[in-house]
């Protein structure tokens, strides 16, 4: 039986992406729901690294499984790096993806195209029940478009435009997104971490 790797996220979009991005590893990916865990870890860190580490360490201890958690978000240069670690809560705690997209567009009213540069960042933390932790990160760079386009994605994907491709992330195929996204770039480093002796399966 394959070792289990707990995906410490309740976001169905992230779960779908990780099942694709990590399909080649020898671990069996399990969700919080599948593991019977309903703990909500408050993201009290000031950086993506702090939040990813906090979630991974807390849930690895609770589940007794090697655990992967990430914190990711959008940084817009014209907004001083906002929404950053507040990306999911930028438009309020219970906001929908549409709410977040509209809120960001309102914040950027009047900002010209050449000033709409932004980046998506993802930090992945992998923790063992014994407390070993490793981090990996990925970034992708682009612009915030003036209107949402595309429906293949979630969060701010319909606004994040790649000039070299002439498309937003949400206009890309799943395969196209998995080649260039911040989460894809961070995930490329996961197999090497899981091959380390300290992350060997103890089940």
C-alpha atoms as a PDB file:
ATOM      1  CA  UNK A   1       0.000   0.000   0.000  1.00  0.00           C
ATOM      2  CA  UNK A   2       1.320   3.454  -0.932  1.00  0.00           C
ATOM      3  CA  UNK A   3       2.274   5.909   1.770  1.00  0.00           C
ATOM      4  CA  UNK A   4      -0.285   8.662   2.296  1.00  0.00           C
ATOM      5  CA  UNK A   5       0.379  12.347   1.744  1.00  0.00           C
ATOM      6  CA  UNK A   6      -2.224  14.621   3.315  1.00  0.00           C
ATOM      7  CA  UNK A   7      -3.255  17.634   1.221  1.00  0.00           C
ATOM      8  CA  UNK A   8      -3.924  20.287   3.829  1.00  0.00           C
ATOM      9  CA  UNK A   9      -6.455  22.368   1.920  1.00  0.00           C
ATOM     10  CA  UNK A  10     -10.211  22.597   1.771  1.00  0.00           C
ATOM     11  CA  UNK A  11     -10.076  24.381  -1.578  1.00  0.00           C
ATOM     12  CA  UNK A  12     -11.442  21.994  -4.236  1.00  0.00           C
ATOM     13  CA  UNK A  13      -9.597  23.885  -6.972  1.00  0.00           C
ATOM     14  CA  UNK A  14      -6.265  23.307  -5.257  1.00  0.00           C
ATOM     15  CA  UNK A  15      -7.090  19.645  -4.632  1.00  0.00           C
ATOM     16  CA  UNK A  16      -7.787  19.134  -8.343  1.00  0.00           C
ATOM     17  CA  UNK A  17      -4.540  20.834  -9.312  1.00  0.00           C
ATOM     18  CA  UNK A  18      -2.402  18.885  -6.851  1.00  0.00           C
ATOM     19  CA  UNK A  19      -3.902  15.562  -7.924  1.00  0.00           C
ATOM     20  CA  UNK A  20      -2.703  16.393 -11.441  1.00  0.00           C
ATOM     21  CA  UNK A  21       0.607  18.045 -10.553  1.00  0.00           C
ATOM     22  CA  UNK A  22       1.668  15.258  -8.161  1.00  0.00           C
ATOM     23  CA  UNK A  23       0.239  12.333 -10.112  1.00  0.00           C
ATOM     24  CA  UNK A  24       3.694  10.868 -10.631  1.00  0.00           C
ATOM     25  CA  UNK A  25       4.745  10.529  -6.988  1.00  0.00           C
ATOM     26  CA  UNK A  26       4.617   7.228  -5.093  1.00  0.00           C
ATOM     27  CA  UNK A  27       2.394   8.632  -2.326  1.00  0.00           C
ATOM     28  CA  UNK A  28      -1.381   8.296  -2.179  1.00  0.00           C
ATOM     29  CA  UNK A  29      -2.888  11.791  -1.947  1.00  0.00           C
ATOM     30  CA  UNK A  30      -5.643  12.132   0.655  1.00  0.00           C
ATOM     31  CA  UNK A  31      -7.761  15.165   1.468  1.00  0.00           C
ATOM     32  CA  UNK A  32      -8.687  16.484   4.893  1.00  0.00           C
ATOM     33  CA  UNK A  33     -12.202  15.164   4.408  1.00  0.00           C
ATOM     34  CA  UNK A  34     -10.943  11.720   3.433  1.00  0.00           C
ATOM     35  CA  UNK A  35      -8.713  11.678   6.514  1.00  0.00           C
ATOM     36  CA  UNK A  36     -11.616  12.701   8.759  1.00  0.00           C
ATOM     37  CA  UNK A  37      -9.960  15.947   9.826  1.00  0.00           C
ATOM     38  CA  UNK A  38     -12.064  19.060  10.304  1.00  0.00           C
ATOM     39  CA  UNK A  39      -9.561  21.323  12.051  1.00  0.00           C
ATOM     40  CA  UNK A  40      -9.274  24.833  10.600  1.00  0.00           C
ATOM     41  CA  UNK A  41      -5.768  26.229  11.032  1.00  0.00           C
ATOM     42  CA  UNK A  42      -5.867  30.009  11.336  1.00  0.00           C
ATOM     43  CA  UNK A  43      -3.434  31.652   8.921  1.00  0.00           C
ATOM     44  CA  UNK A  44      -1.850  34.047  11.396  1.00  0.00           C
ATOM     45  CA  UNK A  45       1.513  34.359   9.648  1.00  0.00           C
ATOM     46  CA  UNK A  46       2.715  37.530   7.939  1.00  0.00           C
ATOM     47  CA  UNK A  47       4.248  35.693   4.974  1.00  0.00           C
ATOM     48  CA  UNK A  48       3.311  32.845   2.659  1.00  0.00           C
ATOM     49  CA  UNK A  49       6.166  30.832   4.193  1.00  0.00           C
ATOM     50  CA  UNK A  50       4.887  31.251   7.752  1.00  0.00           C
ATOM     51  CA  UNK A  51       1.329  30.272   6.860  1.00  0.00           C
ATOM     52  CA  UNK A  52       2.348  27.228   4.811  1.00  0.00           C
ATOM     53  CA  UNK A  53       4.619  25.995   7.589  1.00  0.00           C
ATOM     54  CA  UNK A  54       1.980  26.562  10.265  1.00  0.00           C
ATOM     55  CA  UNK A  55      -0.654  24.558   8.393  1.00  0.00           C
ATOM     56  CA  UNK A  56       1.672  21.707   7.459  1.00  0.00           C
ATOM     57  CA  UNK A  57       3.158  21.268  10.947  1.00  0.00           C
ATOM     58  CA  UNK A  58      -0.190  21.503  12.760  1.00  0.00           C
ATOM     59  CA  UNK A  59      -1.966  19.014  10.509  1.00  0.00           C
ATOM     60  CA  UNK A  60       0.947  16.576  10.323  1.00  0.00           C
ATOM     61  CA  UNK A  61       0.867  16.293  14.107  1.00  0.00           C
ATOM     62  CA  UNK A  62      -2.914  15.934  14.153  1.00  0.00           C
ATOM     63  CA  UNK A  63      -3.127  13.373  11.346  1.00  0.00           C
ATOM     64  CA  UNK A  64       0.132  11.469  11.972  1.00  0.00           C
ATOM     65  CA  UNK A  65       0.668  11.711   8.208  1.00  0.00           C
ATOM     66  CA  UNK A  66       3.266  13.469   6.104  1.00  0.00           C
ATOM     67  CA  UNK A  67       1.421  16.644   5.154  1.00  0.00           C
ATOM     68  CA  UNK A  68       1.625  19.108   2.284  1.00  0.00           C
ATOM     69  CA  UNK A  69       0.233  22.600   2.782  1.00  0.00           C
ATOM     70  CA  UNK A  70       0.639  25.690   0.709  1.00  0.00           C
ATOM     71  CA  UNK A  71      -0.003  29.359   0.990  1.00  0.00           C
ATOM     72  CA  UNK A  72      -0.297  31.245  -2.212  1.00  0.00           C
ATOM     73  CA  UNK A  73      -1.591  34.495  -3.494  1.00  0.00           C
ATOM     74  CA  UNK A  74      -1.388  37.470  -5.770  1.00  0.00           C
ATOM     75  CA  UNK A  75       0.920  40.454  -5.354  1.00  0.00           C
ATOM     76  CA  UNK A  76       0.075  43.566  -7.383  1.00  0.00           C
ATOM     77  CA  UNK A  77       2.862  46.119  -7.670  1.00  0.00           C
ATOM     78  CA  UNK A  78       0.577  49.156  -8.019  1.00  0.00           C
ATOM     79  CA  UNK A  79      -1.146  48.167  -4.758  1.00  0.00           C
ATOM     80  CA  UNK A  80       2.088  47.828  -2.805  1.00  0.00           C
ATOM     81  CA  UNK A  81       2.027  44.035  -2.966  1.00  0.00           C
ATOM     82  CA  UNK A  82      -1.638  43.626  -2.034  1.00  0.00           C
ATOM     83  CA  UNK A  83      -3.558  41.399  -1.653  1.00  0.00           C
ATOM     84  CA  UNK A  84      -0.583  39.155  -0.730  1.00  0.00           C
ATOM     85  CA  UNK A  85      -1.295  36.796   2.159  1.00  0.00           C
ATOM     86  CA  UNK A  86      -4.807  38.260   2.301  1.00  0.00           C
ATOM     87  CA  UNK A  87      -5.618  37.122  -1.249  1.00  0.00           C
ATOM     88  CA  UNK A  88      -8.412  34.737  -0.233  1.00  0.00           C
ATOM     89  CA  UNK A  89      -9.882  37.237   2.240  1.00  0.00           C
ATOM     90  CA  UNK A  90      -9.267  40.464   0.308  1.00  0.00           C
ATOM     91  CA  UNK A  91     -12.930  41.113  -0.399  1.00  0.00           C
ATOM     92  CA  UNK A  92     -14.141  39.729   2.941  1.00  0.00           C
ATOM     93  CA  UNK A  93     -14.197  36.391   4.746  1.00  0.00           C
ATOM     94  CA  UNK A  94     -17.099  34.871   2.810  1.00  0.00           C
ATOM     95  CA  UNK A  95     -16.433  36.462  -0.565  1.00  0.00           C
ATOM     96  CA  UNK A  96     -16.797  34.409  -3.738  1.00  0.00           C
ATOM     97  CA  UNK A  97     -14.217  34.299  -6.535  1.00  0.00           C
ATOM     98  CA  UNK A  98     -16.403  36.755  -8.467  1.00  0.00           C
ATOM     99  CA  UNK A  99     -16.463  39.087  -5.455  1.00  0.00           C
ATOM    100  CA  UNK A 100     -12.673  38.988  -5.204  1.00  0.00           C
ATOM    101  CA  UNK A 101     -12.195  39.660  -8.911  1.00  0.00           C
ATOM    102  CA  UNK A 102     -14.597  42.618  -8.845  1.00  0.00           C
ATOM    103  CA  UNK A 103     -13.053  44.033  -5.661  1.00  0.00           C
ATOM    104  CA  UNK A 104      -9.559  43.935  -7.178  1.00  0.00           C
ATOM    105  CA  UNK A 105     -10.752  45.597 -10.363  1.00  0.00           C
ATOM    106  CA  UNK A 106     -12.346  48.383  -8.317  1.00  0.00           C
ATOM    107  CA  UNK A 107      -9.095  48.894  -6.412  1.00  0.00           C
ATOM    108  CA  UNK A 108      -7.229  49.217  -9.721  1.00  0.00           C
ATOM    109  CA  UNK A 109      -9.586  51.687 -11.381  1.00  0.00           C
ATOM    110  CA  UNK A 110      -7.578  54.233 -13.341  1.00  0.00           C
ATOM    111  CA  UNK A 111      -4.278  52.342 -13.211  1.00  0.00           C
ATOM    112  CA  UNK A 112      -2.766  52.198 -16.730  1.00  0.00           C
ATOM    113  CA  UNK A 113      -1.687  48.952 -18.384  1.00  0.00           C
ATOM    114  CA  UNK A 114       2.063  49.414 -17.907  1.00  0.00           C
ATOM    115  CA  UNK A 115       1.533  49.831 -14.145  1.00  0.00           C
ATOM    116  CA  UNK A 116      -0.624  46.701 -13.715  1.00  0.00           C
ATOM    117  CA  UNK A 117       2.293  44.278 -13.219  1.00  0.00           C
ATOM    118  CA  UNK A 118       1.733  41.440 -10.759  1.00  0.00           C
ATOM    119  CA  UNK A 119       2.952  38.035  -9.693  1.00  0.00           C
ATOM    120  CA  UNK A 120       1.404  34.878  -8.331  1.00  0.00           C
ATOM    121  CA  UNK A 121       3.452  33.249  -5.550  1.00  0.00           C
ATOM    122  CA  UNK A 122       3.141  29.806  -4.005  1.00  0.00           C
ATOM    123  CA  UNK A 123       5.040  28.390  -1.058  1.00  0.00           C
ATOM    124  CA  UNK A 124       4.639  24.680  -0.320  1.00  0.00           C
ATOM    125  CA  UNK A 125       5.532  23.285   3.093  1.00  0.00           C
ATOM    126  CA  UNK A 126       5.883  19.554   3.651  1.00  0.00           C
ATOM    127  CA  UNK A 127       5.972  18.395   7.272  1.00  0.00           C
ATOM    128  CA  UNK A 128       6.349  15.036   8.979  1.00  0.00           C
ATOM    129  CA  UNK A 129       4.610  14.078  12.237  1.00  0.00           C
ATOM    130  CA  UNK A 130       8.067  14.178  13.831  1.00  0.00           C
ATOM    131  CA  UNK A 131       8.431  17.854  12.976  1.00  0.00           C
ATOM    132  CA  UNK A 132      10.716  17.838   9.936  1.00  0.00           C
ATOM    133  CA  UNK A 133       9.757  20.603   7.510  1.00  0.00           C
ATOM    134  CA  UNK A 134      10.887  21.505   4.000  1.00  0.00           C
ATOM    135  CA  UNK A 135       9.787  24.445   1.870  1.00  0.00           C
ATOM    136  CA  UNK A 136       9.686  25.047  -1.868  1.00  0.00           C
ATOM    137  CA  UNK A 137       8.293  27.956  -3.836  1.00  0.00           C
ATOM    138  CA  UNK A 138       7.280  29.076  -7.297  1.00  0.00           C
ATOM    139  CA  UNK A 139       6.312  32.311  -9.005  1.00  0.00           C
ATOM    140  CA  UNK A 140       4.825  33.452 -12.290  1.00  0.00           C
ATOM    141  CA  UNK A 141       4.705  37.021 -13.563  1.00  0.00           C
ATOM    142  CA  UNK A 142       2.158  38.898 -15.635  1.00  0.00           C
ATOM    143  CA  UNK A 143      -0.357  41.750 -15.650  1.00  0.00           C
ATOM    144  CA  UNK A 144      -3.815  42.369 -14.184  1.00  0.00           C
ATOM    145  CA  UNK A 145      -6.236  42.679 -17.083  1.00  0.00           C
ATOM    146  CA  UNK A 146      -9.031  45.257 -17.235  1.00  0.00           C
ATOM    147  CA  UNK A 147     -11.742  42.583 -17.259  1.00  0.00           C
ATOM    148  CA  UNK A 148     -11.977  38.887 -16.407  1.00  0.00           C
ATOM    149  CA  UNK A 149     -11.602  36.400 -19.246  1.00  0.00           C
ATOM    150  CA  UNK A 150     -11.799  32.607 -19.297  1.00  0.00           C
ATOM    151  CA  UNK A 151     -13.486  30.062 -17.080  1.00  0.00           C
ATOM    152  CA  UNK A 152     -10.820  27.390 -16.556  1.00  0.00           C
ATOM    153  CA  UNK A 153      -9.437  28.203 -13.142  1.00  0.00           C
ATOM    154  CA  UNK A 154     -10.360  29.785  -9.845  1.00  0.00           C
ATOM    155  CA  UNK A 155      -9.558  32.793  -7.696  1.00  0.00           C
ATOM    156  CA  UNK A 156      -7.891  35.604  -9.640  1.00  0.00           C
ATOM    157  CA  UNK A 157      -7.040  33.399 -12.656  1.00  0.00           C
ATOM    158  CA  UNK A 158      -9.451  35.260 -15.004  1.00  0.00           C
ATOM    159  CA  UNK A 159      -7.563  38.529 -14.374  1.00  0.00           C
ATOM    160  CA  UNK A 160      -3.953  37.312 -14.530  1.00  0.00           C
ATOM    161  CA  UNK A 161      -2.694  37.942 -18.071  1.00  0.00           C
ATOM    162  CA  UNK A 162       0.447  36.520 -19.676  1.00  0.00           C
ATOM    163  CA  UNK A 163       1.610  38.929 -22.433  1.00  0.00           C
ATOM    164  CA  UNK A 164       3.764  36.260 -24.076  1.00  0.00           C
ATOM    165  CA  UNK A 165       0.749  33.972 -24.428  1.00  0.00           C
ATOM    166  CA  UNK A 166      -1.897  36.622 -25.022  1.00  0.00           C
ATOM    167  CA  UNK A 167      -4.193  34.924 -22.518  1.00  0.00           C
ATOM    168  CA  UNK A 168      -5.239  34.969 -18.885  1.00  0.00           C
ATOM    169  CA  UNK A 169      -4.582  31.894 -16.762  1.00  0.00           C
ATOM    170  CA  UNK A 170      -8.292  31.081 -16.920  1.00  0.00           C
ATOM    171  CA  UNK A 171      -8.106  30.998 -20.734  1.00  0.00           C
ATOM    172  CA  UNK A 172      -5.402  28.329 -20.710  1.00  0.00           C
ATOM    173  CA  UNK A 173      -6.045  24.616 -20.854  1.00  0.00           C
ATOM    174  CA  UNK A 174      -5.410  22.690 -17.650  1.00  0.00           C
ATOM    175  CA  UNK A 175      -2.258  21.310 -19.240  1.00  0.00           C
ATOM    176  CA  UNK A 176      -1.124  24.805 -20.204  1.00  0.00           C
ATOM    177  CA  UNK A 177      -1.659  26.137 -16.705  1.00  0.00           C
ATOM    178  CA  UNK A 178       0.191  23.197 -15.201  1.00  0.00           C
ATOM    179  CA  UNK A 179       3.280  24.110 -17.218  1.00  0.00           C
ATOM    180  CA  UNK A 180       3.601  27.707 -16.086  1.00  0.00           C
ATOM    181  CA  UNK A 181       1.604  28.397 -12.913  1.00  0.00           C
ATOM    182  CA  UNK A 182       3.170  29.324  -9.593  1.00  0.00           C
ATOM    183  CA  UNK A 183       1.763  26.154  -8.033  1.00  0.00           C
ATOM    184  CA  UNK A 184       3.139  24.014 -10.854  1.00  0.00           C
ATOM    185  CA  UNK A 185       6.598  25.519 -10.456  1.00  0.00           C
ATOM    186  CA  UNK A 186       6.608  24.927  -6.707  1.00  0.00           C
ATOM    187  CA  UNK A 187       5.250  21.378  -7.150  1.00  0.00           C
ATOM    188  CA  UNK A 188       8.157  20.418  -9.414  1.00  0.00           C
ATOM    189  CA  UNK A 189      10.376  20.411  -6.317  1.00  0.00           C
ATOM    190  CA  UNK A 190       8.112  18.172  -4.211  1.00  0.00           C
ATOM    191  CA  UNK A 191       9.364  14.756  -5.452  1.00  0.00           C
ATOM    192  CA  UNK A 192      12.930  15.559  -4.406  1.00  0.00           C
ATOM    193  CA  UNK A 193      11.780  16.490  -0.897  1.00  0.00           C
ATOM    194  CA  UNK A 194       9.736  13.321  -0.527  1.00  0.00           C
ATOM    195  CA  UNK A 195      12.763  11.256  -1.566  1.00  0.00           C
ATOM    196  CA  UNK A 196      14.781  12.470   1.426  1.00  0.00           C
ATOM    197  CA  UNK A 197      15.333   9.959   4.263  1.00  0.00           C
ATOM    198  CA  UNK A 198      13.679  12.247   6.821  1.00  0.00           C
ATOM    199  CA  UNK A 199      10.457  12.128   4.769  1.00  0.00           C
ATOM    200  CA  UNK A 200      10.418   8.372   4.319  1.00  0.00           C
ATOM    201  CA  UNK A 201       7.091   6.718   4.951  1.00  0.00           C
ATOM    202  CA  UNK A 202       6.759   5.143   8.406  1.00  0.00           C
ATOM    203  CA  UNK A 203       3.319   3.576   7.931  1.00  0.00           C
END
